[in-house]
N, C-alpha and C. Protein backbone atom coordinates (compact mmCIF):
# COMPACT_ATOMS: atom_id res chain seq x y z
N UNK A 1 0.79 -0.99 -0.55
CA UNK A 1 -0.07 0.31 -0.39
C UNK A 1 0.51 0.90 -0.13
N UNK A 2 1.91 1.17 0.18
CA UNK A 2 3.03 2.76 -0.35
C UNK A 2 2.82 2.80 -1.25
N UNK A 3 2.79 4.46 -1.43
CA UNK A 3 2.76 4.79 -2.71
C UNK A 3 1.74 5.31 -3.20
N UNK A 4 0.43 4.70 -2.30
CA UNK A 4 -1.32 4.64 -2.80
C UNK A 4 -1.36 5.92 -2.14
N UNK A 5 -1.93 6.95 -3.19
CA UNK A 5 -2.79 7.92 -2.75
C UNK A 5 -4.13 8.29 -3.20
N UNK A 6 -4.37 8.38 -2.52
CA UNK A 6 -6.29 8.88 -3.09
C UNK A 6 -6.73 10.05 -3.04
N UNK A 7 -7.49 10.15 -4.19
CA UNK A 7 -7.57 11.20 -5.45
C UNK A 7 -8.65 11.89 -5.00
N UNK A 8 -8.41 13.01 -3.53
CA UNK A 8 -9.51 13.58 -3.39
C UNK A 8 -10.60 13.63 -4.01
N UNK A 9 -10.02 14.65 -5.47
CA UNK A 9 -11.17 14.76 -6.60
C UNK A 9 -12.34 14.04 -7.08
N UNK A 10 -11.83 13.27 -7.02
CA UNK A 10 -12.12 11.78 -7.53
C UNK A 10 -14.00 11.57 -6.32
N UNK A 11 -13.00 11.16 -5.72
CA UNK A 11 -14.15 10.75 -4.46
C UNK A 11 -14.81 11.88 -3.23
N UNK A 12 -14.19 13.20 -4.58
CA UNK A 12 -15.63 13.95 -3.93
C UNK A 12 -16.69 13.77 -4.70
N UNK A 13 -16.39 13.67 -6.20
CA UNK A 13 -17.43 13.60 -6.90
C UNK A 13 -18.88 12.55 -6.91
N UNK A 14 -18.16 11.57 -6.08
CA UNK A 14 -18.32 10.15 -5.79
C UNK A 14 -19.05 10.45 -4.69
N UNK A 15 -19.22 11.08 -4.30
CA UNK A 15 -20.01 11.62 -2.82
C UNK A 15 -21.61 12.41 -3.79
N UNK A 16 -20.55 13.24 -3.96
CA UNK A 16 -21.88 14.09 -4.63
C UNK A 16 -23.27 13.68 -4.93
N UNK A 17 -22.52 12.81 -5.70
CA UNK A 17 -23.56 11.97 -7.65
C UNK A 17 -23.82 10.82 -6.11
N UNK A 18 -23.50 10.89 -5.31
CA UNK A 18 -23.81 9.67 -3.86
C UNK A 18 -25.96 9.99 -4.16
N UNK A 19 -26.64 9.01 -3.82
CA UNK A 19 -28.23 10.48 -3.45
C UNK A 19 -27.71 9.71 -2.49
N UNK A 20 -26.76 8.89 -1.45
CA UNK A 20 -27.66 8.18 0.23
C UNK A 20 -26.83 10.10 0.42
N UNK A 21 -26.07 10.39 0.32
CA UNK A 21 -26.42 12.19 1.21
C UNK A 21 -27.71 12.33 1.52
N UNK A 22 -28.48 12.86 1.21
CA UNK A 22 -29.79 12.28 1.00
C UNK A 22 -29.75 12.75 3.15
N UNK A 23 -29.17 11.81 2.97
CA UNK A 23 -28.94 11.47 4.78
C UNK A 23 -29.08 12.51 5.31
N UNK A 24 -28.28 12.83 4.91
CA UNK A 24 -27.83 14.24 5.78
C UNK A 24 -28.33 15.18 5.94
N UNK A 25 -29.43 15.23 4.30
CA UNK A 25 -30.60 16.73 3.99
C UNK A 25 -31.49 16.16 5.35
N UNK A 26 -31.06 14.39 5.27
CA UNK A 26 -33.19 14.96 6.00
C UNK A 26 -34.24 15.45 6.64
N UNK A 27 -32.77 15.32 7.98
CA UNK A 27 -33.09 15.67 9.19
C UNK A 27 -33.80 17.67 8.62
N UNK A 28 -33.11 18.30 7.72
CA UNK A 28 -33.28 20.28 7.87
C UNK A 28 -34.60 20.39 6.52
N UNK A 29 -35.16 19.12 6.04
CA UNK A 29 -36.24 19.00 4.90
C UNK A 29 -37.42 18.21 4.70
N UNK A 30 -36.93 17.65 6.13
CA UNK A 30 -38.29 16.48 6.71
C UNK A 30 -38.25 14.92 5.30
N UNK A 31 -39.01 13.90 6.04
CA UNK A 31 -38.34 13.31 5.06
C UNK A 31 -39.63 12.96 3.40
N UNK A 32 -40.50 13.80 3.39
CA UNK A 32 -41.22 13.42 2.23
C UNK A 32 -40.77 14.15 1.80
N UNK A 33 -40.08 15.18 1.73
CA UNK A 33 -39.65 16.25 0.81
C UNK A 33 -37.80 15.76 0.55
N UNK A 34 -37.20 14.94 0.93
CA UNK A 34 -35.79 14.00 1.12
C UNK A 34 -36.52 12.99 0.01
N UNK A 35 -37.58 12.55 0.22
CA UNK A 35 -37.12 11.62 -0.73
C UNK A 35 -36.97 12.19 -2.24
N UNK A 36 -38.81 12.85 -1.73
CA UNK A 36 -38.78 13.68 -3.84
C UNK A 36 -37.89 13.61 -4.30
N UNK A 37 -36.43 15.06 -3.34
CA UNK A 37 -35.28 14.59 -4.14
C UNK A 37 -34.84 13.20 -4.32
N UNK A 38 -34.51 12.73 -3.59
CA UNK A 38 -34.12 11.34 -3.56
C UNK A 38 -34.05 10.29 -5.16
N UNK A 39 -35.64 10.54 -5.22
CA UNK A 39 -36.14 9.81 -6.21
C UNK A 39 -35.92 10.62 -7.62
N UNK A 40 -35.98 11.84 -7.73
CA UNK A 40 -35.90 12.49 -8.64
C UNK A 40 -34.46 12.50 -9.09
N UNK A 41 -33.35 12.17 -8.30
CA UNK A 41 -31.55 12.06 -8.19
C UNK A 41 -31.65 11.06 -8.58
N UNK A 42 -32.06 9.63 -8.02
CA UNK A 42 -32.27 8.46 -8.71
C UNK A 42 -32.79 8.78 -10.48
N UNK A 43 -34.02 9.65 -10.84
CA UNK A 43 -34.96 9.16 -11.74
C UNK A 43 -33.39 9.88 -12.94
N UNK A 44 -33.43 10.92 -12.42
CA UNK A 44 -32.62 12.77 -13.83
C UNK A 44 -31.00 11.97 -13.45
N UNK A 45 -30.21 11.36 -12.48
CA UNK A 45 -29.32 11.06 -12.47
C UNK A 45 -27.99 13.42 -12.11
N UNK A 46 -29.49 14.04 -11.75
CA UNK A 46 -28.71 14.79 -10.98
C UNK A 46 -28.32 14.71 -9.56
N UNK A 47 -27.45 15.61 -8.56
CA UNK A 47 -26.90 14.59 -7.85
C UNK A 47 -28.05 15.90 -6.66
N UNK A 48 -28.43 15.48 -5.22
CA UNK A 48 -29.10 15.81 -4.20
C UNK A 48 -28.88 17.04 -4.16
N UNK A 49 -27.33 17.10 -4.48
CA UNK A 49 -27.21 18.64 -4.12
C UNK A 49 -27.73 19.98 -5.37
N UNK A 50 -28.57 19.61 -6.39
CA UNK A 50 -28.22 20.50 -7.39
C UNK A 50 -29.54 20.12 -7.18
N UNK A 51 -30.05 20.01 -7.08
CA UNK A 51 -31.79 19.56 -6.53
C UNK A 51 -32.10 19.86 -5.90
N UNK A 52 -31.71 20.18 -4.59
CA UNK A 52 -32.42 21.02 -3.49
C UNK A 52 -31.90 22.73 -3.90
N UNK A 53 -30.93 22.23 -4.45
CA UNK A 53 -31.03 24.48 -5.02
C UNK A 53 -32.56 24.89 -5.47
N UNK A 54 -32.13 23.47 -7.17
CA UNK A 54 -33.73 24.04 -7.76
C UNK A 54 -34.22 23.39 -7.14
N UNK A 55 -34.50 23.36 -6.44
CA UNK A 55 -36.27 23.01 -6.17
C UNK A 55 -36.59 23.93 -5.60
N UNK A 56 -35.60 24.59 -4.24
CA UNK A 56 -35.56 25.52 -3.52
C UNK A 56 -35.96 25.43 -1.66
N UNK A 57 -35.34 23.71 -1.63
CA UNK A 57 -35.59 23.37 -0.86
C UNK A 57 -34.40 24.18 1.05
N UNK A 58 -33.47 23.59 -0.54
CA UNK A 58 -31.73 24.25 1.10
C UNK A 58 -31.64 25.34 -0.16
N UNK A 59 -30.20 26.09 1.07
CA UNK A 59 -29.77 27.37 -0.09
C UNK A 59 -28.08 26.58 -0.29
N UNK A 60 -27.36 26.91 -1.64
CA UNK A 60 -26.20 26.81 -1.73
C UNK A 60 -24.61 26.86 -0.55
N UNK A 61 -25.50 27.48 0.93
CA UNK A 61 -24.91 28.04 1.26
C UNK A 61 -25.39 26.69 2.43
N UNK A 62 -26.23 26.81 3.29
CA UNK A 62 -26.97 25.73 3.70
C UNK A 62 -26.23 24.29 3.59
N UNK A 63 -25.87 23.96 2.16
CA UNK A 63 -25.92 22.86 1.77
C UNK A 63 -24.28 22.39 2.02
N UNK A 64 -23.38 23.79 2.03
CA UNK A 64 -22.40 23.71 1.50
C UNK A 64 -21.65 22.86 3.21
N UNK A 65 -22.77 23.34 4.33
CA UNK A 65 -22.07 23.28 5.92
C UNK A 65 -21.91 21.64 5.83
N UNK A 66 -23.67 21.57 5.29
CA UNK A 66 -24.31 20.55 5.74
C UNK A 66 -23.51 19.27 5.14
N UNK A 67 -23.26 19.35 4.09
CA UNK A 67 -22.75 17.99 2.66
C UNK A 67 -20.99 17.75 3.43
N UNK A 68 -20.42 19.02 4.59
CA UNK A 68 -18.82 19.22 5.19
C UNK A 68 -18.68 18.13 5.52
N UNK A 69 -17.98 17.63 4.73
CA UNK A 69 -17.25 16.02 4.33
C UNK A 69 -17.19 15.51 6.43
N UNK A 70 -16.42 17.09 6.80
CA UNK A 70 -16.53 17.07 8.27
C UNK A 70 -17.59 17.06 9.18
N UNK A 71 -18.93 17.95 9.41
CA UNK A 71 -20.11 17.69 9.42
C UNK A 71 -21.34 16.67 9.02
N UNK A 72 -20.14 15.65 7.99
CA UNK A 72 -21.85 14.58 7.72
C UNK A 72 -20.69 13.46 8.50
N UNK A 73 -19.27 13.37 9.40
CA UNK A 73 -18.35 11.86 9.75
C UNK A 73 -18.36 12.51 10.98
N UNK A 74 -19.09 13.27 11.36
CA UNK A 74 -18.88 13.95 12.63
C UNK A 74 -19.73 13.10 14.02
N UNK A 75 -20.27 12.88 14.50
CA UNK A 75 -21.62 12.56 15.30
C UNK A 75 -22.00 13.98 15.56
N UNK A 76 -24.13 13.03 15.77
CA UNK A 76 -24.49 14.14 16.09
C UNK A 76 -25.24 14.61 14.26
N UNK A 77 -25.71 15.20 13.46
CA UNK A 77 -26.74 16.04 12.53
C UNK A 77 -25.99 17.08 11.76
N UNK A 78 -25.40 16.60 10.51
CA UNK A 78 -24.75 17.34 10.35
C UNK A 78 -25.25 18.54 9.76
N UNK A 79 -25.05 20.12 10.32
CA UNK A 79 -25.24 21.35 10.01
C UNK A 79 -26.70 20.71 10.85
N UNK A 80 -26.38 20.76 11.95
CA UNK A 80 -27.14 21.11 13.70
C UNK A 80 -27.05 23.24 13.20
N UNK A 81 -26.58 23.55 13.61
CA UNK A 81 -26.51 24.93 13.73
C UNK A 81 -27.62 25.55 13.27
N UNK A 82 -27.48 24.88 11.79
CA UNK A 82 -28.68 25.53 10.89
C UNK A 82 -30.00 24.84 11.59
N UNK A 83 -30.42 24.69 12.97
CA UNK A 83 -31.71 24.17 13.26
C UNK A 83 -31.71 24.32 13.85
N UNK A 84 -31.28 24.39 15.39
CA UNK A 84 -30.61 26.18 16.10
C UNK A 84 -31.25 27.26 15.95
N UNK A 85 -30.89 28.21 14.59
CA UNK A 85 -31.49 29.13 14.45
C UNK A 85 -32.93 29.00 13.50
N UNK A 86 -33.09 27.89 12.99
CA UNK A 86 -34.76 28.63 13.06
C UNK A 86 -35.76 27.66 14.19
């Protein structure tokens, strides 16, 4: 394994294309809206991020926080501070 390095850009692309990241968004938009976004992402091939912004359920700014790798891998709700503001 010596000399093997992760391609960070490619890994980020995989995460962005994954419908699974809807689980991080769910607490912010609710199950019904999250299910609609997930179904549309699967049907169209668009990313969860693109669809959330396009459908007006979350701003790009909020998504930057919610989908931050640290936020998504840290215990608790990704972007929990946004829930406290509302």
